[in-house]
């Protein structure tokens, strides 16, 4: 048997060992283990992998829940900002509105006009 086992070959090697152990020395204890104890130990990686797969499924489900919660929160924040803007004591020029990171109406500037770009006239070559 190879001394350095890769994860991909562990299951096959374990199965070979169990088959040979069962055939040639079922009553012998090797490395302090009986055949039955080793068979139980062989199941552990599969059970742990199943728990990992379950955790991944739960994680993916939680990502969807988080995204939905973020969407709901975003909509709620917009509604609250609109409520602040439309409440007479506050409005779009209030310190409260500005403290939330919005630009108050008094500080808004008109966008600058973009200049008209005139295409450069290129000389034509060999016009004759």
N, C-alpha and C. Protein backbone atom coordinates (compact mmCIF):
# COMPACT_ATOMS: atom_id res chain seq x y z
N UNK A 1 0.84 -1.17 0.00
CA UNK A 1 0.00 0.00 0.00
C UNK A 1 0.89 1.23 0.00
N UNK A 2 0.46 2.25 -0.68
CA UNK A 2 1.18 3.51 -0.77
C UNK A 2 1.13 4.20 0.58
N UNK A 3 2.25 4.79 1.01
CA UNK A 3 2.27 5.44 2.33
C UNK A 3 1.63 6.82 2.30
N UNK A 4 1.72 7.51 1.16
CA UNK A 4 1.09 8.83 1.07
C UNK A 4 -0.20 8.69 0.27
N UNK A 5 -1.31 8.80 0.99
CA UNK A 5 -2.61 8.62 0.34
C UNK A 5 -3.22 9.96 0.01
N UNK A 6 -3.73 10.08 -1.19
CA UNK A 6 -4.43 11.29 -1.60
C UNK A 6 -5.89 11.17 -1.18
N UNK A 7 -6.52 12.30 -0.97
CA UNK A 7 -7.92 12.32 -0.55
C UNK A 7 -8.79 11.57 -1.56
N UNK A 8 -8.47 11.68 -2.83
CA UNK A 8 -9.28 11.04 -3.86
C UNK A 8 -9.19 9.51 -3.80
N UNK A 9 -8.09 8.97 -3.28
CA UNK A 9 -7.93 7.51 -3.29
C UNK A 9 -8.21 6.87 -1.93
N UNK A 10 -8.52 7.69 -0.91
CA UNK A 10 -8.75 7.14 0.43
C UNK A 10 -9.90 6.14 0.47
N UNK A 11 -11.01 6.48 -0.16
CA UNK A 11 -12.18 5.60 -0.11
C UNK A 11 -11.88 4.25 -0.75
N UNK A 12 -11.22 4.28 -1.91
CA UNK A 12 -10.89 3.02 -2.60
C UNK A 12 -9.91 2.20 -1.79
N UNK A 13 -8.89 2.84 -1.23
CA UNK A 13 -7.90 2.12 -0.43
C UNK A 13 -8.52 1.55 0.84
N UNK A 14 -9.41 2.31 1.47
CA UNK A 14 -10.08 1.82 2.68
C UNK A 14 -10.92 0.60 2.36
N UNK A 15 -11.63 0.65 1.24
CA UNK A 15 -12.46 -0.47 0.83
C UNK A 15 -11.60 -1.71 0.56
N UNK A 16 -10.46 -1.52 -0.10
CA UNK A 16 -9.54 -2.64 -0.36
C UNK A 16 -9.03 -3.23 0.95
N UNK A 17 -8.66 -2.36 1.90
CA UNK A 17 -8.15 -2.85 3.17
C UNK A 17 -9.21 -3.65 3.92
N UNK A 18 -10.43 -3.13 3.95
CA UNK A 18 -11.52 -3.84 4.64
C UNK A 18 -11.77 -5.20 4.00
N UNK A 19 -11.79 -5.23 2.68
CA UNK A 19 -12.03 -6.50 1.97
C UNK A 19 -10.93 -7.51 2.29
N UNK A 20 -9.69 -7.06 2.22
CA UNK A 20 -8.57 -7.97 2.51
C UNK A 20 -8.56 -8.38 3.97
N UNK A 21 -8.79 -7.44 4.87
CA UNK A 21 -8.80 -7.74 6.31
C UNK A 21 -9.90 -8.75 6.61
N UNK A 22 -11.07 -8.54 6.03
CA UNK A 22 -12.18 -9.46 6.27
C UNK A 22 -11.86 -10.85 5.73
N UNK A 23 -11.15 -10.92 4.61
CA UNK A 23 -10.84 -12.21 3.98
C UNK A 23 -9.72 -12.95 4.70
N UNK A 24 -8.67 -12.25 5.11
CA UNK A 24 -7.48 -12.94 5.60
C UNK A 24 -7.29 -12.92 7.10
N UNK A 25 -7.81 -11.92 7.80
CA UNK A 25 -7.57 -11.88 9.25
C UNK A 25 -8.70 -11.13 9.96
N UNK A 26 -9.91 -11.61 9.88
CA UNK A 26 -11.03 -10.87 10.46
C UNK A 26 -10.96 -10.74 11.98
N UNK A 27 -10.32 -11.67 12.67
CA UNK A 27 -10.28 -11.65 14.14
C UNK A 27 -9.08 -10.89 14.69
N UNK A 28 -8.16 -10.48 13.82
CA UNK A 28 -6.93 -9.82 14.27
C UNK A 28 -7.18 -8.33 14.50
N UNK A 29 -6.55 -7.85 15.56
CA UNK A 29 -6.59 -6.42 15.88
C UNK A 29 -5.32 -5.79 15.30
N UNK A 30 -5.47 -4.73 14.48
CA UNK A 30 -4.32 -4.07 13.87
C UNK A 30 -4.30 -2.61 14.32
N UNK A 31 -3.13 -2.16 14.76
CA UNK A 31 -2.94 -0.78 15.23
C UNK A 31 -3.96 -0.43 16.31
N UNK A 32 -4.29 -1.40 17.14
CA UNK A 32 -5.21 -1.17 18.25
C UNK A 32 -6.67 -1.10 17.84
N UNK A 33 -6.99 -1.54 16.62
CA UNK A 33 -8.37 -1.50 16.13
C UNK A 33 -8.80 -2.86 15.63
N UNK A 34 -10.07 -3.10 15.84
CA UNK A 34 -10.65 -4.30 15.25
C UNK A 34 -11.19 -3.91 13.88
N UNK A 35 -11.57 -4.91 13.11
CA UNK A 35 -12.14 -4.65 11.80
C UNK A 35 -13.41 -3.82 11.92
N UNK A 36 -14.24 -4.12 12.88
CA UNK A 36 -15.49 -3.39 13.09
C UNK A 36 -15.23 -1.93 13.45
N UNK A 37 -14.23 -1.68 14.30
CA UNK A 37 -13.89 -0.30 14.67
C UNK A 37 -13.40 0.49 13.45
N UNK A 38 -12.58 -0.17 12.62
CA UNK A 38 -12.09 0.52 11.44
C UNK A 38 -13.22 0.83 10.46
N UNK A 39 -14.16 -0.09 10.34
CA UNK A 39 -15.30 0.16 9.44
C UNK A 39 -16.11 1.38 9.90
N UNK A 40 -16.24 1.55 11.21
CA UNK A 40 -16.94 2.72 11.74
C UNK A 40 -16.12 3.98 11.48
N UNK A 41 -14.80 3.92 11.67
CA UNK A 41 -13.93 5.07 11.42
C UNK A 41 -13.96 5.48 9.95
N UNK A 42 -14.10 4.50 9.06
CA UNK A 42 -14.13 4.78 7.63
C UNK A 42 -15.34 5.61 7.25
N UNK A 43 -16.41 5.54 8.01
CA UNK A 43 -17.64 6.28 7.70
C UNK A 43 -17.55 7.77 8.08
N UNK A 44 -16.62 8.11 8.97
CA UNK A 44 -16.54 9.49 9.50
C UNK A 44 -16.36 10.55 8.41
N UNK A 45 -15.43 10.40 7.47
CA UNK A 45 -15.28 11.46 6.45
C UNK A 45 -16.56 11.69 5.64
N UNK A 46 -17.28 10.64 5.32
CA UNK A 46 -18.53 10.78 4.57
C UNK A 46 -19.59 11.54 5.36
N UNK A 47 -19.67 11.24 6.65
CA UNK A 47 -20.64 11.93 7.50
C UNK A 47 -20.27 13.41 7.63
N UNK A 48 -18.99 13.68 7.78
CA UNK A 48 -18.55 15.08 7.89
C UNK A 48 -18.79 15.81 6.57
N UNK A 49 -18.54 15.15 5.44
CA UNK A 49 -18.80 15.76 4.14
C UNK A 49 -20.29 16.07 3.98
N UNK A 50 -21.13 15.19 4.47
CA UNK A 50 -22.57 15.43 4.42
C UNK A 50 -22.94 16.66 5.24
N UNK A 51 -22.32 16.83 6.41
CA UNK A 51 -22.58 18.01 7.23
C UNK A 51 -22.10 19.28 6.53
N UNK A 52 -20.95 19.17 5.83
CA UNK A 52 -20.43 20.31 5.06
C UNK A 52 -21.41 20.68 3.95
N UNK A 53 -21.91 19.68 3.22
CA UNK A 53 -22.86 19.94 2.14
C UNK A 53 -24.14 20.59 2.67
N UNK A 54 -24.61 20.12 3.83
CA UNK A 54 -25.79 20.72 4.45
C UNK A 54 -25.51 22.16 4.84
N UNK A 55 -24.33 22.41 5.41
CA UNK A 55 -23.97 23.77 5.80
C UNK A 55 -23.88 24.68 4.57
N UNK A 56 -23.37 24.17 3.45
CA UNK A 56 -23.30 24.97 2.22
C UNK A 56 -24.71 25.32 1.73
N UNK A 57 -25.63 24.36 1.80
CA UNK A 57 -27.01 24.63 1.38
C UNK A 57 -27.64 25.68 2.27
N UNK A 58 -27.42 25.58 3.57
CA UNK A 58 -27.95 26.57 4.51
C UNK A 58 -27.34 27.93 4.21
N UNK A 59 -26.04 27.97 3.97
CA UNK A 59 -25.33 29.22 3.65
C UNK A 59 -25.93 29.88 2.40
N UNK A 60 -26.16 29.09 1.35
CA UNK A 60 -26.72 29.65 0.12
C UNK A 60 -28.13 30.18 0.37
N UNK A 61 -28.90 29.49 1.20
CA UNK A 61 -30.23 29.97 1.55
C UNK A 61 -30.16 31.26 2.34
N UNK A 62 -29.19 31.37 3.23
CA UNK A 62 -29.02 32.58 4.03
C UNK A 62 -28.60 33.76 3.15
N UNK A 63 -27.83 33.50 2.11
CA UNK A 63 -27.46 34.58 1.19
C UNK A 63 -28.69 35.18 0.53
N UNK A 64 -29.62 34.33 0.13
CA UNK A 64 -30.87 34.81 -0.47
C UNK A 64 -31.66 35.63 0.54
N UNK A 65 -31.76 35.13 1.78
CA UNK A 65 -32.47 35.86 2.82
C UNK A 65 -31.82 37.23 3.07
N UNK A 66 -30.48 37.26 3.11
CA UNK A 66 -29.77 38.52 3.32
C UNK A 66 -30.04 39.50 2.20
N UNK A 67 -30.01 39.02 0.95
CA UNK A 67 -30.26 39.90 -0.18
C UNK A 67 -31.68 40.47 -0.14
N UNK A 68 -32.64 39.63 0.23
CA UNK A 68 -34.02 40.10 0.35
C UNK A 68 -34.14 41.13 1.48
N UNK A 69 -33.46 40.89 2.59
CA UNK A 69 -33.49 41.83 3.71
C UNK A 69 -32.84 43.15 3.31
N UNK A 70 -31.74 43.10 2.54
CA UNK A 70 -31.10 44.32 2.06
C UNK A 70 -32.02 45.10 1.15
N UNK A 71 -32.74 44.41 0.27
CA UNK A 71 -33.69 45.07 -0.63
C UNK A 71 -34.79 45.76 0.16
N UNK A 72 -35.32 45.06 1.16
CA UNK A 72 -36.36 45.64 2.01
C UNK A 72 -35.83 46.85 2.77
N UNK A 73 -34.64 46.74 3.32
CA UNK A 73 -34.04 47.84 4.05
C UNK A 73 -33.80 49.05 3.14
N UNK A 74 -33.34 48.80 1.92
CA UNK A 74 -33.10 49.88 0.96
C UNK A 74 -34.40 50.63 0.68
N UNK A 75 -35.49 49.88 0.45
CA UNK A 75 -36.78 50.50 0.19
C UNK A 75 -37.26 51.29 1.40
N UNK A 76 -37.05 50.74 2.59
CA UNK A 76 -37.46 51.44 3.81
C UNK A 76 -36.68 52.72 4.00
N UNK A 77 -35.37 52.69 3.74
CA UNK A 77 -34.55 53.91 3.86
C UNK A 77 -35.01 54.99 2.89
N UNK A 78 -35.37 54.59 1.68
CA UNK A 78 -35.86 55.56 0.70
C UNK A 78 -37.18 56.16 1.17
N UNK A 79 -38.07 55.31 1.69
CA UNK A 79 -39.35 55.82 2.20
C UNK A 79 -39.14 56.77 3.36
N UNK A 80 -38.22 56.45 4.26
CA UNK A 80 -37.95 57.33 5.40
C UNK A 80 -37.35 58.66 4.94
N UNK A 81 -36.44 58.62 3.98
CA UNK A 81 -35.85 59.86 3.46
C UNK A 81 -36.94 60.72 2.79
N UNK A 82 -37.83 60.07 2.06
CA UNK A 82 -38.93 60.80 1.43
C UNK A 82 -39.86 61.39 2.49
N UNK A 83 -40.07 60.64 3.57
CA UNK A 83 -40.92 61.14 4.66
C UNK A 83 -40.28 62.36 5.32
N UNK A 84 -38.98 62.33 5.53
CA UNK A 84 -38.27 63.48 6.12
C UNK A 84 -38.37 64.68 5.18
N UNK A 85 -38.17 64.44 3.89
CA UNK A 85 -38.22 65.51 2.89
C UNK A 85 -39.60 66.14 2.82
N UNK A 86 -40.65 65.33 3.04
CA UNK A 86 -42.01 65.86 2.90
C UNK A 86 -42.63 66.32 4.21
N UNK A 87 -41.92 66.20 5.32
CA UNK A 87 -42.44 66.66 6.61
C UNK A 87 -42.09 68.15 6.76
N UNK A 88 -43.12 69.01 6.98
CA UNK A 88 -42.88 70.47 7.01
C UNK A 88 -41.76 70.93 7.95
N UNK A 89 -41.63 70.46 9.19
CA UNK A 89 -40.55 70.98 10.03
C UNK A 89 -39.15 70.61 9.53
N UNK A 90 -39.07 69.61 8.69
CA UNK A 90 -37.76 69.18 8.21
C UNK A 90 -37.56 69.63 6.77
N UNK A 91 -38.10 68.91 5.82
CA UNK A 91 -38.02 69.29 4.41
C UNK A 91 -36.65 69.07 3.80
N UNK A 92 -36.55 69.38 2.50
CA UNK A 92 -35.31 69.12 1.77
C UNK A 92 -34.20 70.13 2.07
N UNK A 93 -34.46 71.15 2.91
CA UNK A 93 -33.41 72.11 3.28
C UNK A 93 -33.05 72.02 4.75
N UNK A 94 -33.45 70.93 5.41
CA UNK A 94 -33.23 70.84 6.86
C UNK A 94 -31.87 70.24 7.20
N UNK A 95 -31.46 70.54 8.43
CA UNK A 95 -30.20 69.96 8.94
C UNK A 95 -30.34 68.45 9.09
N UNK A 96 -31.55 68.01 9.47
CA UNK A 96 -31.81 66.57 9.63
C UNK A 96 -31.57 65.86 8.29
N UNK A 97 -32.12 66.42 7.22
CA UNK A 97 -31.98 65.84 5.89
C UNK A 97 -30.50 65.82 5.48
N UNK A 98 -29.81 66.93 5.75
CA UNK A 98 -28.39 67.01 5.40
C UNK A 98 -27.55 66.04 6.22
N UNK A 99 -27.91 65.83 7.51
CA UNK A 99 -27.14 64.93 8.37
C UNK A 99 -27.21 63.48 7.90
N UNK A 100 -28.20 63.18 7.08
CA UNK A 100 -28.33 61.83 6.54
C UNK A 100 -27.46 61.62 5.30
N UNK A 101 -26.76 62.69 4.89
CA UNK A 101 -25.85 62.55 3.76
C UNK A 101 -26.44 63.04 2.45
N UNK A 102 -27.66 63.59 2.49
CA UNK A 102 -28.27 64.11 1.27
C UNK A 102 -27.81 65.54 1.03
N UNK A 103 -27.89 65.99 -0.21
CA UNK A 103 -27.56 67.37 -0.55
C UNK A 103 -28.85 68.18 -0.44
N UNK A 104 -28.83 69.19 0.40
CA UNK A 104 -30.02 70.02 0.58
C UNK A 104 -30.21 70.89 -0.65
N UNK A 105 -31.46 71.33 -0.87
CA UNK A 105 -31.79 72.10 -2.06
C UNK A 105 -30.95 73.37 -2.18
N UNK A 106 -30.66 74.02 -1.06
CA UNK A 106 -29.89 75.26 -1.09
C UNK A 106 -28.47 75.05 -1.62
N UNK A 107 -27.94 73.86 -1.51
CA UNK A 107 -26.57 73.59 -1.94
C UNK A 107 -26.49 72.92 -3.31
N UNK A 108 -27.62 72.62 -3.89
CA UNK A 108 -27.61 71.99 -5.21
C UNK A 108 -27.19 72.99 -6.26
N UNK A 109 -26.43 72.54 -7.22
CA UNK A 109 -25.99 73.38 -8.31
C UNK A 109 -26.51 72.82 -9.62
N UNK A 110 -26.77 73.71 -10.54
CA UNK A 110 -27.20 73.25 -11.85
C UNK A 110 -26.03 72.55 -12.52
N UNK A 111 -26.32 71.50 -13.23
CA UNK A 111 -25.21 70.85 -13.94
C UNK A 111 -24.66 71.76 -15.03
N UNK A 112 -23.36 71.76 -15.20
CA UNK A 112 -22.72 72.57 -16.22
C UNK A 112 -23.04 72.01 -17.60
N UNK A 113 -23.20 72.91 -18.53
CA UNK A 113 -23.47 72.48 -19.91
C UNK A 113 -22.21 71.87 -20.50
N UNK A 114 -22.41 70.86 -21.21
CA UNK A 114 -21.28 70.24 -21.88
C UNK A 114 -21.01 71.00 -23.17
N UNK A 115 -19.75 71.24 -23.42
CA UNK A 115 -19.38 71.95 -24.64
C UNK A 115 -19.62 71.09 -25.86
N UNK A 116 -19.91 71.75 -26.96
CA UNK A 116 -20.14 71.04 -28.22
C UNK A 116 -18.78 70.72 -28.83
N UNK A 117 -18.61 69.48 -29.17
CA UNK A 117 -17.34 69.04 -29.75
C UNK A 117 -17.45 69.14 -31.27
N UNK A 118 -16.57 69.93 -31.86
CA UNK A 118 -16.55 70.08 -33.32
C UNK A 118 -15.50 69.12 -33.86
N UNK A 119 -15.91 68.25 -34.78
CA UNK A 119 -14.92 67.31 -35.32
C UNK A 119 -13.86 68.06 -36.14
N UNK A 120 -12.64 67.64 -35.99
CA UNK A 120 -11.52 68.27 -36.72
C UNK A 120 -11.59 67.88 -38.19
N UNK A 121 -11.32 68.83 -39.04
CA UNK A 121 -11.33 68.55 -40.47
C UNK A 121 -9.97 67.95 -40.82
N UNK A 122 -10.03 66.80 -41.42
CA UNK A 122 -8.77 66.13 -41.79
C UNK A 122 -8.53 66.37 -43.27
N UNK A 123 -7.31 66.69 -43.61
CA UNK A 123 -7.02 66.91 -45.03
C UNK A 123 -7.10 65.60 -45.80
N UNK A 124 -7.65 65.67 -46.96
CA UNK A 124 -7.73 64.45 -47.78
C UNK A 124 -6.45 64.31 -48.57
N UNK A 125 -5.98 63.13 -48.65
CA UNK A 125 -4.72 62.86 -49.34
C UNK A 125 -4.98 62.53 -50.79
N UNK A 126 -4.13 63.06 -51.66
CA UNK A 126 -4.15 62.74 -53.09
C UNK A 126 -5.50 63.02 -53.73
N UNK A 127 -6.01 64.21 -53.53
CA UNK A 127 -7.26 64.56 -54.21
C UNK A 127 -6.84 65.15 -55.56
N UNK A 128 -7.12 64.47 -56.64
CA UNK A 128 -6.75 65.01 -57.94
C UNK A 128 -7.68 64.54 -59.00
